[in-house]
């Protein structure tokens, strides 16, 4: 059965720059043509389709967004599917769409671990220790 609605969308909990992220669409039937459009205020839109979409169980479609297709800030997602496999025959009402907004964050700065790696040891001088003048 071809789908008639998008039941749920599973968004990433905390998407980070440079990591890539995935979004899963759950529908009430088979989606002949699933895709997602990623938009940001100051950048081009990216279409996530074809090899970037995988079926993950019954009526579940995972969109894998490569890290180079977004930057930090508000990100607008248009998750959609066409009820017609041949897009040449598709009409506007054959598309079912939902919209979500996420915030992509910069990764947290790592604490300086150099001090943790430097090991300072002290010991009591022994009779054979050189004397400091």
Protein backbone atom coordinates (compact mmCIF):
# COMPACT_ATOMS: atom_id res chain seq x y z
CA UNK A 1 0.00 0.00 0.00
CA UNK A 2 1.30 3.46 -0.92
CA UNK A 3 1.54 5.83 2.03
CA UNK A 4 -1.00 8.56 2.71
CA UNK A 5 0.63 10.30 5.68
CA UNK A 6 3.83 10.76 7.62
CA UNK A 7 3.23 9.37 11.09
CA UNK A 8 6.46 10.42 12.84
CA UNK A 9 9.85 12.02 12.26
CA UNK A 10 12.80 11.08 14.46
CA UNK A 11 15.22 13.99 14.69
CA UNK A 12 18.82 13.95 15.95
CA UNK A 13 19.12 14.78 19.65
CA UNK A 14 22.13 17.09 19.34
CA UNK A 15 23.49 17.47 15.80
CA UNK A 16 27.06 18.75 15.67
CA UNK A 17 29.20 20.35 13.00
CA UNK A 18 31.46 17.90 11.19
CA UNK A 19 29.66 14.74 12.35
CA UNK A 20 26.79 14.28 9.89
CA UNK A 21 23.37 13.35 11.23
CA UNK A 22 20.36 11.27 10.31
CA UNK A 23 16.61 11.82 10.32
CA UNK A 24 14.08 8.98 10.15
CA UNK A 25 10.63 9.31 8.59
CA UNK A 26 7.91 6.85 9.62
CA UNK A 27 4.90 6.51 7.32
CA UNK A 28 1.69 4.51 7.08
CA UNK A 29 2.76 2.71 3.88
CA UNK A 30 5.41 2.40 1.17
CA UNK A 31 6.98 5.64 -0.10
CA UNK A 32 7.93 5.40 -3.80
CA UNK A 33 10.12 8.51 -3.64
CA UNK A 34 11.33 9.73 -0.20
CA UNK A 35 13.51 12.81 0.08
CA UNK A 36 14.48 15.58 2.47
CA UNK A 37 15.55 19.15 1.75
CA UNK A 38 18.02 20.82 4.15
CA UNK A 39 18.00 24.63 4.22
CA UNK A 40 19.88 27.25 6.20
CA UNK A 41 19.46 31.02 6.15
CA UNK A 42 22.82 31.78 4.58
CA UNK A 43 23.44 28.74 2.43
CA UNK A 44 22.16 26.69 -0.49
CA UNK A 45 19.52 24.00 -0.08
CA UNK A 46 20.61 20.37 -0.24
CA UNK A 47 18.48 17.46 -1.44
CA UNK A 48 18.90 14.24 0.53
CA UNK A 49 17.66 11.45 -1.73
CA UNK A 50 18.70 8.36 -3.68
CA UNK A 51 21.77 6.75 -2.03
CA UNK A 52 21.46 9.03 1.02
CA UNK A 53 18.11 7.40 1.91
CA UNK A 54 17.85 3.87 3.24
CA UNK A 55 14.87 1.80 4.27
CA UNK A 56 15.11 0.77 7.93
CA UNK A 57 12.28 -1.64 8.54
CA UNK A 58 8.66 -1.46 7.58
CA UNK A 59 7.71 2.06 6.46
CA UNK A 60 10.83 3.65 8.02
CA UNK A 61 13.16 5.74 5.88
CA UNK A 62 16.49 7.11 7.14
CA UNK A 63 17.98 10.23 5.56
CA UNK A 64 21.74 10.51 6.09
CA UNK A 65 22.93 14.12 5.95
CA UNK A 66 26.65 14.43 5.16
CA UNK A 67 28.63 16.83 7.37
CA UNK A 68 29.60 19.07 4.44
CA UNK A 69 25.96 19.88 3.66
CA UNK A 70 25.25 22.06 6.69
CA UNK A 71 26.83 24.47 9.12
CA UNK A 72 26.18 25.67 12.67
CA UNK A 73 22.89 27.43 13.34
CA UNK A 74 19.21 27.02 12.55
CA UNK A 75 18.56 24.29 10.03
CA UNK A 76 15.21 23.85 8.33
CA UNK A 77 14.19 20.35 7.25
CA UNK A 78 11.51 19.60 4.69
CA UNK A 79 10.83 15.87 4.96
CA UNK A 80 8.66 14.57 2.16
CA UNK A 81 7.58 11.71 0.00
CA UNK A 82 5.91 11.45 -3.35
CA UNK A 83 3.07 8.96 -3.74
CA UNK A 84 4.01 8.45 -7.39
CA UNK A 85 7.21 6.63 -8.38
CA UNK A 86 7.54 8.38 -11.75
CA UNK A 87 8.16 12.02 -10.89
CA UNK A 88 7.29 13.09 -14.44
CA UNK A 89 3.67 12.08 -13.71
CA UNK A 90 3.57 13.58 -10.21
CA UNK A 91 1.23 16.46 -9.39
CA UNK A 92 1.55 18.89 -6.49
CA UNK A 93 -1.03 16.95 -4.44
CA UNK A 94 1.04 13.74 -4.78
CA UNK A 95 3.63 15.14 -2.35
CA UNK A 96 3.20 14.77 1.40
CA UNK A 97 5.46 17.07 3.44
CA UNK A 98 6.30 17.90 7.03
CA UNK A 99 8.60 20.64 8.29
CA UNK A 100 10.98 20.70 11.24
CA UNK A 101 13.61 23.06 12.55
CA UNK A 102 16.73 21.95 14.40
CA UNK A 103 19.78 23.78 15.72
CA UNK A 104 23.17 22.46 14.69
CA UNK A 105 25.80 23.15 17.36
CA UNK A 106 29.52 23.67 17.31
CA UNK A 107 31.30 20.77 19.04
CA UNK A 108 32.26 21.46 22.64
CA UNK A 109 35.84 22.61 23.09
CA UNK A 110 38.05 19.93 24.52
CA UNK A 111 39.74 20.76 27.78
CA UNK A 112 43.48 21.23 27.58
CA UNK A 113 44.80 17.82 28.49
CA UNK A 114 48.50 18.68 28.20
CA UNK A 115 48.73 19.42 31.92
CA UNK A 116 47.13 16.09 32.66
CA UNK A 117 49.76 14.28 30.61
CA UNK A 118 52.73 16.01 32.27
CA UNK A 119 53.77 13.96 35.22
CA UNK A 120 55.64 15.59 38.06
CA UNK A 121 57.05 13.38 40.76
CA UNK A 122 58.88 14.28 43.92
CA UNK A 123 61.00 12.17 46.18
CA UNK A 124 63.09 12.63 49.20
CA UNK A 125 66.80 12.99 48.49
CA UNK A 126 68.96 10.02 49.25
CA UNK A 127 72.65 9.94 50.10
CA UNK A 128 73.50 9.24 46.47
CA UNK A 129 71.37 12.10 45.07
CA UNK A 130 73.35 15.01 43.64
CA UNK A 131 73.34 18.10 45.81
CA UNK A 132 71.76 21.24 44.41
CA UNK A 133 73.90 24.32 44.93
